[in-house]
Each structure stands twice: as C-alpha cells, then as structure tokens.
Amino acid sequence: MCETKSFYLWLLQVIGLLGILALCLWLAMRPKIPNYTIVNFSIPGANTSNESDHGSIQYELDIENPNQDS
C-alpha cells in the first residue's frame, strides 16, 4: 500500500513540474505585438486644374519588432 501512494505522489510531482516548465516556456516564447509609429505624415496640395487626378497621402512608418530575438 505504501509503494502505491509513493508512486502516485511521484507521478503527481512529475506532472506538476512539467506543467510549471510548460508555463515558463509559454511565457518566454509567446510572440509579442509589433509596434507601429507614424514618423512623418503629409497630404500634398491637390491640383485643382485636373479633376480626374486622385489625391495622394505620404507617410513614413517606423516598425519595431520585439520578436527578432526569438
């Protein structure tokens, strides 16, 4: 009877340890959201002489990806 309790206790400890290890790996390896920042934004003046042209928007985007190390 004592050997059975000992085996189940050992099995519970192994499962608990594997669960904690899996949680730590998940926290360390989960992807993080990239950061997007608009650095420069401009709307050039529209040419009113030709109404068939479409307007344009110019912008510079700075992207920071924290996942490059993983």
Protein backbone atom coordinates (compact mmCIF):
# COMPACT_ATOMS: atom_id res chain seq x y z
CA MET A 1 0.00 0.00 0.00
CA CYS A 2 2.81 2.41 0.80
CA GLU A 3 4.51 1.80 -2.55
CA THR A 4 1.32 2.73 -4.43
CA LYS A 5 0.98 6.05 -2.58
CA SER A 6 4.63 6.77 -3.20
CA PHE A 7 4.26 6.10 -6.92
CA TYR A 8 1.20 8.36 -7.24
CA LEU A 9 2.92 11.13 -5.29
CA TRP A 10 5.98 10.84 -7.54
CA LEU A 11 3.74 10.89 -10.64
CA LEU A 12 1.90 13.98 -9.36
CA GLN A 13 5.21 15.76 -8.74
CA VAL A 14 6.45 14.97 -12.25
CA ILE A 15 3.20 16.21 -13.81
CA GLY A 16 3.33 19.37 -11.70
CA LEU A 17 6.95 20.02 -12.66
CA LEU A 18 6.19 19.51 -16.35
CA GLY A 19 3.23 21.90 -16.04
CA ILE A 20 5.40 24.61 -14.47
CA LEU A 21 8.05 24.07 -17.16
CA ALA A 22 5.42 24.34 -19.92
CA LEU A 23 4.08 27.58 -18.38
CA CYS A 24 7.57 29.11 -18.22
CA LEU A 25 8.31 28.15 -21.82
CA TRP A 26 4.99 29.56 -22.98
CA LEU A 27 5.61 32.86 -21.20
CA ALA A 28 9.13 33.12 -22.64
CA MET A 29 8.31 32.11 -26.22
CA ARG A 30 4.92 33.71 -26.89
CA PRO A 31 5.02 36.29 -29.67
CA LYS A 32 4.71 39.95 -28.84
CA ILE A 33 2.82 42.53 -30.88
CA PRO A 34 4.95 44.72 -33.18
CA ASN A 35 4.84 48.48 -32.55
CA TYR A 36 3.94 50.80 -35.44
CA THR A 37 4.67 54.54 -35.24
CA ILE A 38 3.88 57.16 -37.87
CA VAL A 39 7.01 59.33 -38.10
CA ASN A 40 6.05 61.72 -40.90
CA PHE A 41 2.64 62.34 -42.44
CA SER A 42 1.74 64.75 -45.24
CA ILE A 43 -1.01 65.40 -47.74
CA PRO A 44 0.39 67.33 -50.73
CA GLY A 45 -1.76 70.10 -52.18
CA ALA A 46 -4.20 68.85 -54.77
CA ASN A 47 -4.01 70.14 -58.33
CA THR A 48 -7.46 71.65 -58.92
CA SER A 49 -6.97 72.16 -62.69
CA ASN A 50 -7.38 68.46 -63.46
CA GLU A 51 -10.24 66.90 -61.52
CA SER A 52 -9.61 63.36 -62.80
CA ASP A 53 -6.41 63.01 -60.70
CA HIS A 54 -6.73 61.34 -57.35
CA GLY A 55 -5.13 62.79 -54.25
CA SER A 56 -2.16 61.18 -52.54
CA ILE A 57 -1.04 60.70 -48.97
CA GLN A 58 2.61 60.29 -47.98
CA TYR A 59 3.76 58.84 -44.69
CA GLU A 60 6.79 57.27 -43.06
CA LEU A 61 6.20 54.31 -40.81
CA ASP A 62 8.59 53.11 -38.10
CA ILE A 63 8.12 49.43 -37.21
CA GLU A 64 9.67 47.87 -34.09
CA ASN A 65 9.53 44.07 -33.92
CA PRO A 66 10.39 42.64 -30.46
CA ASN A 67 10.23 39.06 -31.83
CA GLN A 68 13.53 39.21 -33.72
CA ASP A 69 15.46 37.66 -30.80
CA SER A 70 13.25 34.59 -30.75
